[in-house]
Amino acid sequence: MARRTHSNRARRGKPRLNKGTLFIALAVQCALLAVTVFVIVLDNPEPEPPRFEGKQSVLVKKEDFKEVEQRERFMKRLEPMQRLSVEDALSDELPPLPDLPVEAFSQSGEDLELVADEGIMLEQSGLLGASLQGRGSSSAAAFFGVQDSGRRIAIVVNTSASVVRKARNQGVSVDAIHDEVVSLIDALESGTLFGIVQFSQGARRDAPYLAPAIRKNKEAATQWVRSAMKGNPDVVDEALLGHEAGLALAIGMDPDLIFLVTDGVLNRRVKIDGSYKYPEIPYDILIDSIVDDLRRSAGRTRIHAIGFELKDKDRRGLERLTRRFAGTLREF
């Protein structure tokens, strides 16, 4: 009995665990924890990204400070120095110039030709191409009785067999044509520029540029005329033949005056079935060709023509040509 009583006390003294209560307590704690997390998340919004701010500054190198310090030290050294004065260094009155011999500055004809030689050397090298446009002193020019004056003169001579024959029929030999060319050149002033073009179907000129009419150039041109200006020049460009070729070479030298020797027959060499034919072309083609060449060179040129034994249609064509370019026609 006593033992049972003791056992009952022992059971009564030890607290009895209630599972339902425990479950309720855990549920309450979980609910409180959930509310706490929810409140923390709502109360702590997503933070803004960090912003970096700062005042603008000027980058100054250490060397710049050194230069400033050196300049300041240099200026401090100059402060105690006395400024120099040069007001009285020179006298207001200059000594008189010595008398110069006037004859030392006079130029002879040879000296003037040396100066002109330098000009032609520059022009032939192409250095004076643009600066000599429109330059040159004017000279009176007479050619087969046609008189005019110009600064830049080109002589264009057709040396084909037909021209030589027709000129001979009128009492004008090839040598006489040469004499007229040489006479015109000899009469030019040294400051006038001149050039010579020879053509038949092909064409060539004595020099690539107009040359000053100094003694040296006159002698060279005379020798070229008497020895080389005869026969038929080689054809260089099949697209440019006859009168078109000769006048194109002349206009390429930018003359303001052209003398043309011709029989007025405009023909162009054409190769047909292995042989050459020489059909005539209208003067409209030649005039248009000259206009195009002058437009490209931006020049204005007078053209005089010397014609031998002209046919009526050729005479009318040459009259149109010379009238179009402010020239005259002289017929033999």
C-alpha atoms as a PDB file:
ATOM      1  CA  MET A   1       0.000   0.000   0.000  1.00  0.00           C
ATOM      2  CA  ALA A   2       2.719   2.326   0.857  1.00  0.00           C
ATOM      3  CA  ARG A   3       4.581   1.455  -2.303  1.00  0.00           C
ATOM      4  CA  ARG A   4       1.519   2.212  -4.460  1.00  0.00           C
ATOM      5  CA  THR A   5       1.025   5.540  -2.771  1.00  0.00           C
ATOM      6  CA  HIS A   6       4.589   6.511  -3.481  1.00  0.00           C
ATOM      7  CA  SER A   7       4.172   5.536  -7.070  1.00  0.00           C
ATOM      8  CA  ASN A   8       1.084   7.669  -7.399  1.00  0.00           C
ATOM      9  CA  ARG A   9       2.944  10.713  -6.014  1.00  0.00           C
ATOM     10  CA  ALA A  10       5.711  10.235  -8.414  1.00  0.00           C
ATOM     11  CA  ARG A  11       3.269  10.254 -11.323  1.00  0.00           C
ATOM     12  CA  ARG A  12       1.399  13.202  -9.893  1.00  0.00           C
ATOM     13  CA  GLY A  13       4.589  15.296  -9.428  1.00  0.00           C
ATOM     14  CA  LYS A  14       5.764  14.963 -13.070  1.00  0.00           C
ATOM     15  CA  PRO A  15       3.883  17.416 -15.412  1.00  0.00           C
ATOM     16  CA  ARG A  16       1.956  15.910 -18.176  1.00  0.00           C
ATOM     17  CA  LEU A  17       2.703  17.163 -21.768  1.00  0.00           C
ATOM     18  CA  ASN A  18      -0.328  18.237 -23.798  1.00  0.00           C
ATOM     19  CA  LYS A  19       0.285  17.794 -27.521  1.00  0.00           C
ATOM     20  CA  GLY A  20      -2.577  20.041 -28.624  1.00  0.00           C
ATOM     21  CA  THR A  21      -1.240  22.977 -26.668  1.00  0.00           C
ATOM     22  CA  LEU A  22       2.200  22.499 -28.118  1.00  0.00           C
ATOM     23  CA  PHE A  23       0.858  22.464 -31.641  1.00  0.00           C
ATOM     24  CA  ILE A  24      -1.098  25.653 -31.045  1.00  0.00           C
ATOM     25  CA  ALA A  25       2.016  27.393 -29.661  1.00  0.00           C
ATOM     26  CA  LEU A  26       4.081  26.410 -32.668  1.00  0.00           C
ATOM     27  CA  ALA A  27       1.376  27.616 -34.998  1.00  0.00           C
ATOM     28  CA  VAL A  28       1.212  30.970 -33.249  1.00  0.00           C
ATOM     29  CA  GLN A  29       5.005  31.381 -33.460  1.00  0.00           C
ATOM     30  CA  CYS A  30       5.010  30.541 -37.164  1.00  0.00           C
ATOM     31  CA  ALA A  31       2.249  33.097 -37.759  1.00  0.00           C
ATOM     32  CA  LEU A  32       4.180  35.761 -35.836  1.00  0.00           C
ATOM     33  CA  LEU A  33       7.327  34.954 -37.819  1.00  0.00           C
ATOM     34  CA  ALA A  34       5.483  35.266 -41.148  1.00  0.00           C
ATOM     35  CA  VAL A  35       3.973  38.613 -40.168  1.00  0.00           C
ATOM     36  CA  THR A  36       7.402  39.861 -39.070  1.00  0.00           C
ATOM     37  CA  VAL A  37       9.031  38.935 -42.440  1.00  0.00           C
ATOM     38  CA  PHE A  38       6.123  40.478 -44.373  1.00  0.00           C
ATOM     39  CA  VAL A  39       6.393  43.731 -42.430  1.00  0.00           C
ATOM     40  CA  ILE A  40      10.176  43.880 -42.897  1.00  0.00           C
ATOM     41  CA  VAL A  41       9.929  43.309 -46.649  1.00  0.00           C
ATOM     42  CA  LEU A  42       7.208  45.949 -47.073  1.00  0.00           C
ATOM     43  CA  ASP A  43       8.906  48.434 -44.822  1.00  0.00           C
ATOM     44  CA  ASN A  44      12.284  48.094 -46.561  1.00  0.00           C
ATOM     45  CA  PRO A  45      11.816  48.891 -50.292  1.00  0.00           C
ATOM     46  CA  GLU A  46      14.448  48.174 -52.876  1.00  0.00           C
ATOM     47  CA  PRO A  47      17.336  50.617 -52.414  1.00  0.00           C
ATOM     48  CA  GLU A  48      18.285  53.012 -55.246  1.00  0.00           C
ATOM     49  CA  PRO A  49      21.520  52.356 -57.097  1.00  0.00           C
ATOM     50  CA  PRO A  50      24.454  54.353 -55.758  1.00  0.00           C
ATOM     51  CA  ARG A  51      25.221  57.686 -57.420  1.00  0.00           C
ATOM     52  CA  PHE A  52      28.683  59.074 -57.698  1.00  0.00           C
ATOM     53  CA  GLU A  53      28.838  62.832 -57.619  1.00  0.00           C
ATOM     54  CA  GLY A  54      31.685  65.244 -57.583  1.00  0.00           C
ATOM     55  CA  LYS A  55      32.666  68.784 -58.574  1.00  0.00           C
ATOM     56  CA  GLN A  56      34.321  69.436 -61.901  1.00  0.00           C
ATOM     57  CA  SER A  57      38.027  69.905 -61.716  1.00  0.00           C
ATOM     58  CA  VAL A  58      40.798  70.814 -64.113  1.00  0.00           C
ATOM     59  CA  LEU A  59      43.590  68.393 -64.621  1.00  0.00           C
ATOM     60  CA  VAL A  60      46.822  70.123 -63.887  1.00  0.00           C
ATOM     61  CA  LYS A  61      50.024  68.314 -64.416  1.00  0.00           C
ATOM     62  CA  LYS A  62      52.874  68.620 -62.068  1.00  0.00           C
ATOM     63  CA  GLU A  63      54.994  69.987 -64.895  1.00  0.00           C
ATOM     64  CA  ASP A  64      52.584  72.948 -65.278  1.00  0.00           C
ATOM     65  CA  PHE A  65      53.234  74.024 -61.704  1.00  0.00           C
ATOM     66  CA  LYS A  66      56.946  73.811 -62.370  1.00  0.00           C
ATOM     67  CA  GLU A  67      56.652  76.065 -65.403  1.00  0.00           C
ATOM     68  CA  VAL A  68      54.611  78.612 -63.418  1.00  0.00           C
ATOM     69  CA  GLU A  69      57.163  78.601 -60.617  1.00  0.00           C
ATOM     70  CA  GLN A  70      60.045  79.029 -63.049  1.00  0.00           C
ATOM     71  CA  ARG A  71      58.267  81.922 -64.789  1.00  0.00           C
ATOM     72  CA  GLU A  72      57.585  83.668 -61.492  1.00  0.00           C
ATOM     73  CA  ARG A  73      61.203  83.307 -60.387  1.00  0.00           C
ATOM     74  CA  PHE A  74      62.389  84.663 -63.743  1.00  0.00           C
ATOM     75  CA  MET A  75      60.073  87.694 -63.534  1.00  0.00           C
ATOM     76  CA  LYS A  76      61.251  88.451 -60.005  1.00  0.00           C
ATOM     77  CA  ARG A  77      64.825  88.511 -61.266  1.00  0.00           C
ATOM     78  CA  LEU A  78      63.888  91.023 -63.964  1.00  0.00           C
ATOM     79  CA  GLU A  79      62.211  93.468 -61.589  1.00  0.00           C
ATOM     80  CA  PRO A  80      65.389  95.023 -60.186  1.00  0.00           C
ATOM     81  CA  MET A  81      66.963  95.334 -63.674  1.00  0.00           C
ATOM     82  CA  GLN A  82      67.008  98.755 -65.275  1.00  0.00           C
ATOM     83  CA  ARG A  83      65.178  99.072 -68.564  1.00  0.00           C
ATOM     84  CA  LEU A  84      67.329  99.877 -71.566  1.00  0.00           C
ATOM     85  CA  SER A  85      66.542 102.844 -73.776  1.00  0.00           C
ATOM     86  CA  VAL A  86      67.281 102.953 -77.502  1.00  0.00           C
ATOM     87  CA  GLU A  87      65.632 106.236 -78.343  1.00  0.00           C
ATOM     88  CA  ASP A  88      68.910 107.990 -79.014  1.00  0.00           C
ATOM     89  CA  ALA A  89      70.749 105.054 -80.540  1.00  0.00           C
ATOM     90  CA  LEU A  90      70.342 106.385 -84.099  1.00  0.00           C
ATOM     91  CA  SER A  91      70.319 109.878 -85.416  1.00  0.00           C
ATOM     92  CA  ASP A  92      67.230 111.187 -87.144  1.00  0.00           C
ATOM     93  CA  GLU A  93      69.301 112.387 -90.057  1.00  0.00           C
ATOM     94  CA  LEU A  94      70.617 109.766 -92.485  1.00  0.00           C
ATOM     95  CA  PRO A  95      73.758 110.356 -94.518  1.00  0.00           C
ATOM     96  CA  PRO A  96      73.172 111.202 -98.203  1.00  0.00           C
ATOM     97  CA  LEU A  97      73.289 108.364-100.717  1.00  0.00           C
ATOM     98  CA  PRO A  98      76.391 108.194-102.884  1.00  0.00           C
ATOM     99  CA  ASP A  99      76.134 109.108-106.543  1.00  0.00           C
ATOM    100  CA  LEU A 100      75.593 105.972-108.620  1.00  0.00           C
ATOM    101  CA  PRO A 101      76.838 105.645-112.193  1.00  0.00           C
ATOM    102  CA  VAL A 102      73.722 105.691-114.374  1.00  0.00           C
ATOM    103  CA  GLU A 103      75.487 103.929-117.221  1.00  0.00           C
ATOM    104  CA  ALA A 104      75.947 100.833-115.027  1.00  0.00           C
ATOM    105  CA  PHE A 105      72.197 100.236-115.133  1.00  0.00           C
ATOM    106  CA  SER A 106      71.706 100.673-118.868  1.00  0.00           C
ATOM    107  CA  GLN A 107      70.869  97.457-120.721  1.00  0.00           C
ATOM    108  CA  SER A 108      72.157  96.638-124.120  1.00  0.00           C
ATOM    109  CA  GLY A 109      70.337  94.569-126.716  1.00  0.00           C
ATOM    110  CA  GLU A 110      72.272  91.462-125.639  1.00  0.00           C
ATOM    111  CA  ASP A 111      71.197  91.958-122.016  1.00  0.00           C
ATOM    112  CA  LEU A 112      67.561  92.206-123.059  1.00  0.00           C
ATOM    113  CA  GLU A 113      67.899  89.017-125.063  1.00  0.00           C
ATOM    114  CA  LEU A 114      69.366  87.245-122.039  1.00  0.00           C
ATOM    115  CA  VAL A 115      66.296  88.246-120.046  1.00  0.00           C
ATOM    116  CA  ALA A 116      64.068  87.029-122.833  1.00  0.00           C
ATOM    117  CA  ASP A 117      66.038  83.763-122.987  1.00  0.00           C
ATOM    118  CA  GLU A 118      65.190  83.148-119.347  1.00  0.00           C
ATOM    119  CA  GLY A 119      61.516  83.715-120.129  1.00  0.00           C
ATOM    120  CA  ILE A 120      61.480  81.216-122.978  1.00  0.00           C
ATOM    121  CA  MET A 121      63.313  78.639-120.877  1.00  0.00           C
ATOM    122  CA  LEU A 122      60.669  78.950-118.188  1.00  0.00           C
ATOM    123  CA  GLU A 123      57.856  78.804-120.702  1.00  0.00           C
ATOM    124  CA  GLN A 124      59.259  75.713-122.430  1.00  0.00           C
ATOM    125  CA  SER A 125      59.563  74.022-119.057  1.00  0.00           C
ATOM    126  CA  GLY A 126      55.887  74.721-118.429  1.00  0.00           C
ATOM    127  CA  LEU A 127      56.483  76.909-115.355  1.00  0.00           C
ATOM    128  CA  LEU A 128      54.990  79.973-116.978  1.00  0.00           C
ATOM    129  CA  GLY A 129      52.085  78.202-118.645  1.00  0.00           C
ATOM    130  CA  ALA A 130      49.375  79.977-116.685  1.00  0.00           C
ATOM    131  CA  SER A 131      51.135  83.299-116.106  1.00  0.00           C
ATOM    132  CA  LEU A 132      51.894  83.935-119.791  1.00  0.00           C
ATOM    133  CA  GLN A 133      48.279  83.640-120.886  1.00  0.00           C
ATOM    134  CA  GLY A 134      47.521  86.840-122.761  1.00  0.00           C
ATOM    135  CA  ARG A 135      51.026  88.255-122.130  1.00  0.00           C
ATOM    136  CA  GLY A 136      53.539  89.553-124.642  1.00  0.00           C
ATOM    137  CA  SER A 137      54.063  92.905-126.311  1.00  0.00           C
ATOM    138  CA  SER A 138      52.125  93.664-129.460  1.00  0.00           C
ATOM    139  CA  SER A 139      53.846  93.703-132.839  1.00  0.00           C
ATOM    140  CA  ALA A 140      52.665  94.716-136.291  1.00  0.00           C
ATOM    141  CA  ALA A 141      52.534  91.719-138.607  1.00  0.00           C
ATOM    142  CA  ALA A 142      52.293  91.574-142.417  1.00  0.00           C
ATOM    143  CA  PHE A 143      51.796  88.276-144.243  1.00  0.00           C
ATOM    144  CA  PHE A 144      51.131  88.078-148.000  1.00  0.00           C
ATOM    145  CA  GLY A 145      49.822  91.631-147.840  1.00  0.00           C
ATOM    146  CA  VAL A 146      47.458  91.004-144.898  1.00  0.00           C
ATOM    147  CA  GLN A 147      48.307  93.357-142.044  1.00  0.00           C
ATOM    148  CA  ASP A 148      47.349  93.036-138.384  1.00  0.00           C
ATOM    149  CA  SER A 149      48.970  93.170-134.969  1.00  0.00           C
ATOM    150  CA  GLY A 150      49.106  90.697-132.109  1.00  0.00           C
ATOM    151  CA  ARG A 151      50.881  89.643-128.964  1.00  0.00           C
ATOM    152  CA  ARG A 152      50.778  85.892-129.609  1.00  0.00           C
ATOM    153  CA  ILE A 153      50.977  84.966-133.302  1.00  0.00           C
ATOM    154  CA  ALA A 154      50.724  81.540-134.962  1.00  0.00           C
ATOM    155  CA  ILE A 155      51.473  80.831-138.635  1.00  0.00           C
ATOM    156  CA  VAL A 156      49.683  77.755-140.031  1.00  0.00           C
ATOM    157  CA  VAL A 157      50.809  76.497-143.457  1.00  0.00           C
ATOM    158  CA  ASN A 158      49.256  73.694-145.502  1.00  0.00           C
ATOM    159  CA  THR A 159      52.162  72.033-147.374  1.00  0.00           C
ATOM    160  CA  SER A 160      50.152  69.403-149.255  1.00  0.00           C
ATOM    161  CA  ALA A 161      50.961  68.728-152.896  1.00  0.00           C
ATOM    162  CA  SER A 162      47.786  70.448-154.066  1.00  0.00           C
ATOM    163  CA  VAL A 163      48.596  73.684-152.228  1.00  0.00           C
ATOM    164  CA  VAL A 164      52.182  73.705-153.520  1.00  0.00           C
ATOM    165  CA  ARG A 165      50.956  73.149-157.075  1.00  0.00           C
ATOM    166  CA  LYS A 166      48.251  75.822-156.931  1.00  0.00           C
ATOM    167  CA  ALA A 167      50.624  78.341-155.343  1.00  0.00           C
ATOM    168  CA  ARG A 168      53.175  77.661-158.072  1.00  0.00           C
ATOM    169  CA  ASN A 169      50.486  78.236-160.674  1.00  0.00           C
ATOM    170  CA  GLN A 170      50.013  81.711-159.171  1.00  0.00           C
ATOM    171  CA  GLY A 171      53.754  82.451-159.233  1.00  0.00           C
ATOM    172  CA  VAL A 172      54.346  81.662-155.549  1.00  0.00           C
ATOM    173  CA  SER A 173      56.946  78.951-154.967  1.00  0.00           C
ATOM    174  CA  VAL A 174      57.529  77.003-151.786  1.00  0.00           C
ATOM    175  CA  ASP A 175      60.609  79.125-151.156  1.00  0.00           C
ATOM    176  CA  ALA A 176      58.459  82.251-151.495  1.00  0.00           C
ATOM    177  CA  ILE A 177      56.088  80.889-148.852  1.00  0.00           C
ATOM    178  CA  HIS A 178      59.110  80.254-146.618  1.00  0.00           C
ATOM    179  CA  ASP A 179      60.317  83.800-147.246  1.00  0.00           C
ATOM    180  CA  GLU A 180      56.947  85.233-146.158  1.00  0.00           C
ATOM    181  CA  VAL A 181      57.037  83.224-142.924  1.00  0.00           C
ATOM    182  CA  VAL A 182      60.611  84.262-142.143  1.00  0.00           C
ATOM    183  CA  SER A 183      59.891  87.901-142.998  1.00  0.00           C
ATOM    184  CA  LEU A 184      56.932  88.002-140.627  1.00  0.00           C
ATOM    185  CA  ILE A 185      59.005  86.510-137.790  1.00  0.00           C
ATOM    186  CA  ASP A 186      61.956  88.856-138.377  1.00  0.00           C
ATOM    187  CA  ALA A 187      59.686  91.904-138.061  1.00  0.00           C
ATOM    188  CA  LEU A 188      58.309  90.932-134.654  1.00  0.00           C
ATOM    189  CA  GLU A 189      59.351  92.719-131.463  1.00  0.00           C
ATOM    190  CA  SER A 190      61.303  90.650-128.954  1.00  0.00           C
ATOM    191  CA  GLY A 191      58.393  90.654-126.498  1.00  0.00           C
ATOM    192  CA  THR A 192      55.951  89.144-129.012  1.00  0.00           C
ATOM    193  CA  LEU A 193      55.421  85.381-128.914  1.00  0.00           C
ATOM    194  CA  PHE A 194      55.205  83.303-132.092  1.00  0.00           C
ATOM    195  CA  GLY A 195      54.868  79.738-133.331  1.00  0.00           C
ATOM    196  CA  ILE A 196      54.691  77.827-136.630  1.00  0.00           C
ATOM    197  CA  VAL A 197      52.434  74.892-137.577  1.00  0.00           C
ATOM    198  CA  GLN A 198      52.795  72.756-140.702  1.00  0.00           C
ATOM    199  CA  PHE A 199      50.052  70.351-141.810  1.00  0.00           C
ATOM    200  CA  SER A 200      48.757  68.229-144.628  1.00  0.00           C
ATOM    201  CA  GLN A 201      46.811  65.265-143.222  1.00  0.00           C
ATOM    202  CA  GLY A 202      49.142  65.040-140.237  1.00  0.00           C
ATOM    203  CA  ALA A 203      50.385  68.139-138.408  1.00  0.00           C
ATOM    204  CA  ARG A 204      53.388  69.314-136.413  1.00  0.00           C
ATOM    205  CA  ARG A 205      54.786  72.541-134.964  1.00  0.00           C
ATOM    206  CA  ASP A 206      58.272  73.932-134.561  1.00  0.00           C
ATOM    207  CA  ALA A 207      57.980  74.119-130.772  1.00  0.00           C
ATOM    208  CA  PRO A 208      55.397  73.017-128.193  1.00  0.00           C
ATOM    209  CA  TYR A 209      54.896  76.597-126.970  1.00  0.00           C
ATOM    210  CA  LEU A 210      54.905  80.060-128.446  1.00  0.00           C
ATOM    211  CA  ALA A 211      58.396  81.535-128.140  1.00  0.00           C
ATOM    212  CA  PRO A 212      59.539  85.151-127.654  1.00  0.00           C
ATOM    213  CA  ALA A 213      60.746  86.693-130.891  1.00  0.00           C
ATOM    214  CA  ILE A 214      64.333  87.151-129.742  1.00  0.00           C
ATOM    215  CA  ARG A 215      67.268  86.671-132.120  1.00  0.00           C
ATOM    216  CA  LYS A 216      68.063  83.149-130.953  1.00  0.00           C
ATOM    217  CA  ASN A 217      64.497  81.934-131.463  1.00  0.00           C
ATOM    218  CA  LYS A 218      64.150  83.716-134.783  1.00  0.00           C
ATOM    219  CA  GLU A 219      67.286  81.994-136.092  1.00  0.00           C
ATOM    220  CA  ALA A 220      66.060  78.585-134.923  1.00  0.00           C
ATOM    221  CA  ALA A 221      62.642  79.133-136.507  1.00  0.00           C
ATOM    222  CA  THR A 222      64.198  80.289-139.794  1.00  0.00           C
ATOM    223  CA  GLN A 223      66.321  77.159-139.985  1.00  0.00           C
ATOM    224  CA  TRP A 224      63.316  74.949-139.240  1.00  0.00           C
ATOM    225  CA  VAL A 225      61.166  76.651-141.892  1.00  0.00           C
ATOM    226  CA  ARG A 226      63.731  76.382-144.694  1.00  0.00           C
ATOM    227  CA  SER A 227      64.834  72.821-143.921  1.00  0.00           C
ATOM    228  CA  ALA A 228      61.790  71.058-142.484  1.00  0.00           C
ATOM    229  CA  MET A 229      58.590  72.859-143.504  1.00  0.00           C
ATOM    230  CA  LYS A 230      57.835  70.868-146.617  1.00  0.00           C
ATOM    231  CA  GLY A 231      56.120  67.631-147.600  1.00  0.00           C
ATOM    232  CA  ASN A 232      53.542  65.817-145.478  1.00  0.00           C
ATOM    233  CA  PRO A 233      53.945  65.514-141.696  1.00  0.00           C
ATOM    234  CA  ASP A 234      53.267  62.116-140.136  1.00  0.00           C
ATOM    235  CA  VAL A 235      49.747  61.423-138.917  1.00  0.00           C
ATOM    236  CA  VAL A 236      49.799  61.086-135.133  1.00  0.00           C
ATOM    237  CA  ASP A 237      46.070  60.942-134.455  1.00  0.00           C
ATOM    238  CA  GLU A 238      43.707  59.394-137.023  1.00  0.00           C
ATOM    239  CA  ALA A 239      40.793  61.197-135.377  1.00  0.00           C
ATOM    240  CA  LEU A 240      42.350  64.609-136.090  1.00  0.00           C
ATOM    241  CA  LEU A 241      43.418  65.201-139.674  1.00  0.00           C
ATOM    242  CA  GLY A 242      43.893  67.978-142.209  1.00  0.00           C
ATOM    243  CA  HIS A 243      42.822  71.531-141.393  1.00  0.00           C
ATOM    244  CA  GLU A 244      41.319  70.401-138.091  1.00  0.00           C
ATOM    245  CA  ALA A 245      44.668  68.965-136.984  1.00  0.00           C
ATOM    246  CA  GLY A 246      46.681  72.027-138.022  1.00  0.00           C
ATOM    247  CA  LEU A 247      44.376  74.578-136.422  1.00  0.00           C
ATOM    248  CA  ALA A 248      43.989  72.471-133.278  1.00  0.00           C
ATOM    249  CA  LEU A 249      47.785  72.509-132.759  1.00  0.00           C
ATOM    250  CA  ALA A 250      47.845  76.265-133.312  1.00  0.00           C
ATOM    251  CA  ILE A 251      44.965  77.006-130.937  1.00  0.00           C
ATOM    252  CA  GLY A 252      46.620  74.765-128.353  1.00  0.00           C
ATOM    253  CA  MET A 253      49.378  77.394-128.115  1.00  0.00           C
ATOM    254  CA  ASP A 254      46.763  80.055-127.246  1.00  0.00           C
ATOM    255  CA  PRO A 255      47.456  82.651-129.953  1.00  0.00           C
ATOM    256  CA  ASP A 256      45.447  85.813-130.393  1.00  0.00           C
ATOM    257  CA  LEU A 257      46.260  85.961-134.139  1.00  0.00           C
ATOM    258  CA  ILE A 258      46.521  83.166-136.753  1.00  0.00           C
ATOM    259  CA  PHE A 259      47.632  83.359-140.396  1.00  0.00           C
ATOM    260  CA  LEU A 260      46.467  80.335-142.440  1.00  0.00           C
ATOM    261  CA  VAL A 261      47.898  79.304-145.843  1.00  0.00           C
ATOM    262  CA  THR A 262      45.648  76.873-147.772  1.00  0.00           C
ATOM    263  CA  ASP A 263      43.904  76.032-151.022  1.00  0.00           C
ATOM    264  CA  GLY A 264      40.597  75.855-149.153  1.00  0.00           C
ATOM    265  CA  VAL A 265      39.931  72.168-149.856  1.00  0.00           C
ATOM    266  CA  LEU A 266      38.832  70.412-146.679  1.00  0.00           C
ATOM    267  CA  ASN A 267      39.396  66.695-147.012  1.00  0.00           C
ATOM    268  CA  ARG A 268      39.924  63.980-144.448  1.00  0.00           C
ATOM    269  CA  ARG A 269      41.842  60.765-144.993  1.00  0.00           C
ATOM    270  CA  VAL A 270      39.715  57.613-144.670  1.00  0.00           C
ATOM    271  CA  LYS A 271      40.875  54.036-145.104  1.00  0.00           C
ATOM    272  CA  ILE A 272      38.428  51.971-147.162  1.00  0.00           C
ATOM    273  CA  ASP A 273      39.099  48.385-148.295  1.00  0.00           C
ATOM    274  CA  GLY A 274      42.804  48.698-147.511  1.00  0.00           C
ATOM    275  CA  SER A 275      43.332  51.964-149.420  1.00  0.00           C
ATOM    276  CA  TYR A 276      43.024  55.627-148.440  1.00  0.00           C
ATOM    277  CA  LYS A 277      40.296  57.912-149.746  1.00  0.00           C
ATOM    278  CA  TYR A 278      40.123  61.689-149.215  1.00  0.00           C
ATOM    279  CA  PRO A 279      36.475  62.784-149.063  1.00  0.00           C
ATOM    280  CA  GLU A 280      35.774  66.469-148.494  1.00  0.00           C
ATOM    281  CA  ILE A 281      34.078  67.692-145.315  1.00  0.00           C
ATOM    282  CA  PRO A 282      31.859  70.789-144.948  1.00  0.00           C
ATOM    283  CA  TYR A 283      33.185  73.985-143.413  1.00  0.00           C
ATOM    284  CA  ASP A 284      30.646  73.690-140.604  1.00  0.00           C
ATOM    285  CA  ILE A 285      32.664  70.792-139.173  1.00  0.00           C
ATOM    286  CA  LEU A 286      35.904  72.801-139.259  1.00  0.00           C
ATOM    287  CA  ILE A 287      34.312  75.906-137.727  1.00  0.00           C
ATOM    288  CA  ASP A 288      32.672  73.866-134.964  1.00  0.00           C
ATOM    289  CA  SER A 289      36.008  72.172-134.265  1.00  0.00           C
ATOM    290  CA  ILE A 290      37.739  75.558-133.910  1.00  0.00           C
ATOM    291  CA  VAL A 291      34.969  76.865-131.642  1.00  0.00           C
ATOM    292  CA  ASP A 292      35.294  73.806-129.393  1.00  0.00           C
ATOM    293  CA  ASP A 293      39.088  74.189-129.179  1.00  0.00           C
ATOM    294  CA  LEU A 294      38.788  77.883-128.344  1.00  0.00           C
ATOM    295  CA  ARG A 295      36.154  77.153-125.706  1.00  0.00           C
ATOM    296  CA  ARG A 296      38.455  74.662-123.981  1.00  0.00           C
ATOM    297  CA  SER A 297      41.352  77.118-124.006  1.00  0.00           C
ATOM    298  CA  ALA A 298      39.118  80.095-123.096  1.00  0.00           C
ATOM    299  CA  GLY A 299      40.851  82.085-125.820  1.00  0.00           C
ATOM    300  CA  ARG A 300      39.773  84.573-128.485  1.00  0.00           C
ATOM    301  CA  THR A 301      41.607  84.328-131.801  1.00  0.00           C
ATOM    302  CA  ARG A 302      41.466  86.221-135.100  1.00  0.00           C
ATOM    303  CA  ILE A 303      42.071  84.084-138.201  1.00  0.00           C
ATOM    304  CA  HIS A 304      43.290  85.447-141.563  1.00  0.00           C
ATOM    305  CA  ALA A 305      43.453  83.120-144.569  1.00  0.00           C
ATOM    306  CA  ILE A 306      45.707  83.164-147.645  1.00  0.00           C
ATOM    307  CA  GLY A 307      44.049  81.075-150.390  1.00  0.00           C
ATOM    308  CA  PHE A 308      45.461  79.774-153.676  1.00  0.00           C
ATOM    309  CA  GLU A 309      43.187  78.989-156.679  1.00  0.00           C
ATOM    310  CA  LEU A 310      40.037  78.742-154.602  1.00  0.00           C
ATOM    311  CA  LYS A 311      36.916  77.084-155.933  1.00  0.00           C
ATOM    312  CA  ASP A 312      33.679  78.948-155.409  1.00  0.00           C
ATOM    313  CA  LYS A 313      32.472  76.715-152.583  1.00  0.00           C
ATOM    314  CA  ASP A 314      35.896  76.820-150.902  1.00  0.00           C
ATOM    315  CA  ARG A 315      36.002  80.606-151.228  1.00  0.00           C
ATOM    316  CA  ARG A 316      32.605  80.883-149.580  1.00  0.00           C
ATOM    317  CA  GLY A 317      33.759  78.502-146.833  1.00  0.00           C
ATOM    318  CA  LEU A 318      36.927  80.497-146.121  1.00  0.00           C
ATOM    319  CA  GLU A 319      34.963  83.737-146.109  1.00  0.00           C
ATOM    320  CA  ARG A 320      32.611  82.260-143.517  1.00  0.00           C
ATOM    321  CA  LEU A 321      35.539  81.043-141.440  1.00  0.00           C
ATOM    322  CA  THR A 322      37.481  84.304-141.470  1.00  0.00           C
ATOM    323  CA  ARG A 323      34.345  86.354-140.872  1.00  0.00           C
ATOM    324  CA  ARG A 324      33.400  84.082-137.940  1.00  0.00           C
ATOM    325  CA  PHE A 325      36.798  84.738-136.331  1.00  0.00           C
ATOM    326  CA  ALA A 326      37.151  88.450-137.176  1.00  0.00           C
ATOM    327  CA  GLY A 327      39.706  87.953-139.952  1.00  0.00           C
ATOM    328  CA  THR A 328      40.072  88.529-143.696  1.00  0.00           C
ATOM    329  CA  LEU A 329      40.650  86.412-146.800  1.00  0.00           C
ATOM    330  CA  ARG A 330      43.435  87.188-149.308  1.00  0.00           C
ATOM    331  CA  GLU A 331      43.137  85.187-152.519  1.00  0.00           C
ATOM    332  CA  PHE A 332      45.785  84.446-155.151  1.00  0.00           C
END
